[in-house]
Amino acid sequence: MKRHWFLWGSGALLASDQILKAYAEQNLDKKEERKLTEKVVLRRVNNHGMCLNLLSDRPGVVRILSAAAAGTVTVLQVVSLMRKKGFWKKTALSFLSAGAWSNTFDRFARGYVVDYIGFKFGNEKVSRITYNLGDFFIGAGAAVLSLAGLFEAKEK
């Protein structure tokens, strides 16, 4: 597979998350919930911190950590693209990069990350957690990278 496709893929994923964040900002009130399915809702939450509002009182630190993480993932992605092998590793790093840069962009451009996807569970605390596509990209990238590492270790 051509190496540039991984970069284009990261860009497309980042753009899709930014489009949905803009939609949420323009069309959802902060207290509003729109039911998509029985368990999935759209709602707008402005997250000033990291995961679960961690360090929300220190936005400068959050921006620096976010940029450092996104930069590190990007360097790893570029290094992986220089190699011929490692399709799953390249795919995982493309997902990680897209999610990291989407959330980092929000932190610098808006001062917070827009989250807009919620799930209804029996536990109210868990049901209040809200995500964005970038969060799912980061989760998927981490899972694929972990699995790729396991299979790579078994091959050696």
Protein backbone atom coordinates (compact mmCIF):
# COMPACT_ATOMS: atom_id res chain seq x y z
CA MET A 1 0.00 0.00 0.00
CA LYS A 2 1.28 3.46 -0.83
CA ARG A 3 2.67 5.27 2.18
CA HIS A 4 0.86 8.52 1.49
CA TRP A 5 -2.50 6.79 1.88
CA PHE A 6 -1.86 6.51 5.61
CA LEU A 7 -1.28 10.27 5.81
CA TRP A 8 -4.38 11.01 3.73
CA GLY A 9 -6.32 8.62 5.96
CA SER A 10 -5.19 10.47 9.09
CA GLY A 11 -6.20 13.75 7.51
CA ALA A 12 -9.63 12.43 6.53
CA LEU A 13 -10.26 11.07 10.03
CA LEU A 14 -9.16 14.34 11.63
CA ALA A 15 -11.42 16.31 9.25
CA SER A 16 -14.42 14.08 9.99
CA ASP A 17 -14.05 14.67 13.72
CA GLN A 18 -13.66 18.42 13.24
CA ILE A 19 -16.79 18.53 11.05
CA LEU A 20 -18.81 16.73 13.73
CA LYS A 21 -17.40 19.00 16.45
CA ALA A 22 -18.45 22.06 14.43
CA TYR A 23 -21.91 20.52 13.98
CA ALA A 24 -22.21 19.93 17.73
CA GLU A 25 -21.08 23.49 18.51
CA GLN A 26 -23.57 25.01 16.06
CA ASN A 27 -26.58 22.75 16.59
CA LEU A 28 -26.57 21.47 20.18
CA ASP A 29 -27.21 23.47 23.33
CA LYS A 30 -25.03 22.55 26.30
CA LYS A 31 -27.89 20.94 28.27
CA GLU A 32 -29.57 19.30 25.26
CA GLU A 33 -29.51 15.58 24.48
CA ARG A 34 -30.65 14.14 21.17
CA LYS A 35 -31.39 10.46 21.14
CA LEU A 36 -29.82 8.59 18.20
CA THR A 37 -30.66 5.09 19.38
CA GLU A 38 -31.87 3.58 22.62
CA LYS A 39 -28.32 3.71 24.03
CA VAL A 40 -26.55 6.47 21.99
CA VAL A 41 -27.14 10.22 22.42
CA LEU A 42 -25.71 13.40 20.99
CA ARG A 43 -24.86 16.08 23.53
CA ARG A 44 -22.30 18.87 23.62
CA VAL A 45 -19.74 18.98 26.39
CA ASN A 46 -16.80 21.38 26.45
CA ASN A 47 -13.93 19.49 28.08
CA HIS A 48 -11.33 21.95 29.38
CA GLY A 49 -9.05 19.20 30.68
CA MET A 50 -7.86 15.85 29.49
CA CYS A 51 -9.72 12.58 29.88
CA LEU A 52 -12.63 13.05 32.32
CA ASN A 53 -11.63 16.73 32.80
CA LEU A 54 -8.30 15.80 34.38
CA LEU A 55 -6.18 18.95 34.89
CA SER A 56 -9.07 21.20 33.78
CA ASP A 57 -7.72 23.90 36.10
CA ARG A 58 -4.35 23.88 34.24
CA PRO A 59 -5.12 24.55 30.54
CA GLY A 60 -1.53 25.47 29.69
CA VAL A 61 -0.25 22.14 30.96
CA VAL A 62 -3.01 20.31 29.09
CA ARG A 63 -2.09 22.06 25.82
CA ILE A 64 1.61 21.25 26.24
CA LEU A 65 0.96 17.58 27.10
CA SER A 66 -1.49 17.27 24.21
CA ALA A 67 0.93 18.80 21.69
CA ALA A 68 3.79 16.63 23.00
CA ALA A 69 1.71 13.46 22.70
CA ALA A 70 0.47 14.36 19.21
CA GLY A 71 4.01 15.24 18.11
CA THR A 72 5.43 11.99 19.47
CA VAL A 73 2.76 9.91 17.74
CA THR A 74 3.39 11.79 14.50
CA VAL A 75 7.13 11.14 14.65
CA LEU A 76 6.44 7.44 15.28
CA GLN A 77 4.01 7.42 12.36
CA VAL A 78 6.54 9.00 9.98
CA VAL A 79 9.25 6.55 11.09
CA SER A 80 6.86 3.61 10.55
CA LEU A 81 6.00 4.91 7.07
CA MET A 82 9.68 4.73 6.11
CA ARG A 83 9.59 0.96 6.57
CA LYS A 84 8.12 -1.47 4.09
CA LYS A 85 6.50 -3.80 6.61
CA GLY A 86 4.04 -3.08 9.38
CA PHE A 87 0.64 -2.43 7.79
CA TRP A 88 -1.22 -2.74 11.11
CA LYS A 89 1.28 -0.60 12.98
CA LYS A 90 1.00 2.10 10.29
CA THR A 91 -2.80 1.87 10.45
CA ALA A 92 -2.81 2.13 14.24
CA LEU A 93 -0.49 5.14 14.23
CA SER A 94 -2.69 6.81 11.60
CA PHE A 95 -5.69 6.47 13.91
CA LEU A 96 -3.71 7.64 16.94
CA SER A 97 -2.33 10.63 15.05
CA ALA A 98 -5.75 11.70 13.77
CA GLY A 99 -7.34 11.56 17.21
CA ALA A 100 -4.42 13.24 18.95
CA TRP A 101 -4.23 16.13 16.48
CA SER A 102 -7.99 16.64 16.40
CA ASN A 103 -8.13 17.09 20.17
CA THR A 104 -4.91 19.13 20.21
CA PHE A 105 -6.30 21.43 17.53
CA ASP A 106 -9.39 22.00 19.68
CA ARG A 107 -7.29 22.84 22.73
CA PHE A 108 -5.33 25.50 20.86
CA ALA A 109 -8.16 26.88 18.69
CA ARG A 110 -11.08 26.76 21.16
CA GLY A 111 -9.42 26.39 24.54
CA TYR A 112 -11.34 23.15 25.15
CA VAL A 113 -12.20 19.89 23.40
CA VAL A 114 -15.73 19.43 22.07
CA ASP A 115 -17.21 16.06 23.03
CA TYR A 116 -20.56 15.06 21.53
CA ILE A 117 -21.26 11.30 21.77
CA GLY A 118 -22.73 9.75 24.90
CA PHE A 119 -23.93 6.28 25.82
CA LYS A 120 -26.75 5.38 28.18
CA PHE A 121 -25.84 2.70 30.71
CA GLY A 122 -27.35 1.59 33.98
CA ASN A 123 -24.68 3.53 35.89
CA GLU A 124 -25.39 7.29 35.83
CA LYS A 125 -21.72 8.27 36.34
CA VAL A 126 -20.65 6.22 33.33
CA SER A 127 -23.59 7.55 31.29
CA ARG A 128 -22.41 11.15 31.84
CA ILE A 129 -19.07 10.51 30.09
CA THR A 130 -19.06 12.07 26.64
CA TYR A 131 -16.68 11.33 23.76
CA ASN A 132 -15.79 12.53 20.28
CA LEU A 133 -14.58 10.60 17.22
CA GLY A 134 -11.00 11.53 18.06
CA ASP A 135 -11.33 9.64 21.34
CA PHE A 136 -12.53 6.55 19.46
CA PHE A 137 -9.66 6.92 16.97
CA ILE A 138 -7.19 7.00 19.87
CA GLY A 139 -8.83 3.95 21.46
CA ALA A 140 -8.90 2.02 18.19
CA GLY A 141 -5.31 2.96 17.39
CA ALA A 142 -4.12 1.87 20.83
CA ALA A 143 -5.97 -1.45 20.54
CA VAL A 144 -4.64 -2.18 17.04
CA LEU A 145 -1.10 -1.15 18.04
CA SER A 146 -1.27 -3.46 21.07
CA LEU A 147 -2.51 -6.37 18.98
CA ALA A 148 0.10 -5.70 16.29
CA GLY A 149 2.79 -5.71 18.96
CA LEU A 150 1.55 -9.03 20.36
CA PHE A 151 1.56 -10.71 16.97
CA GLU A 152 4.91 -9.18 16.07
CA ALA A 153 6.40 -10.57 19.29
CA LYS A 154 5.00 -14.04 18.54
CA GLU A 155 6.53 -14.02 15.04
CA LYS A 156 10.01 -13.37 16.46
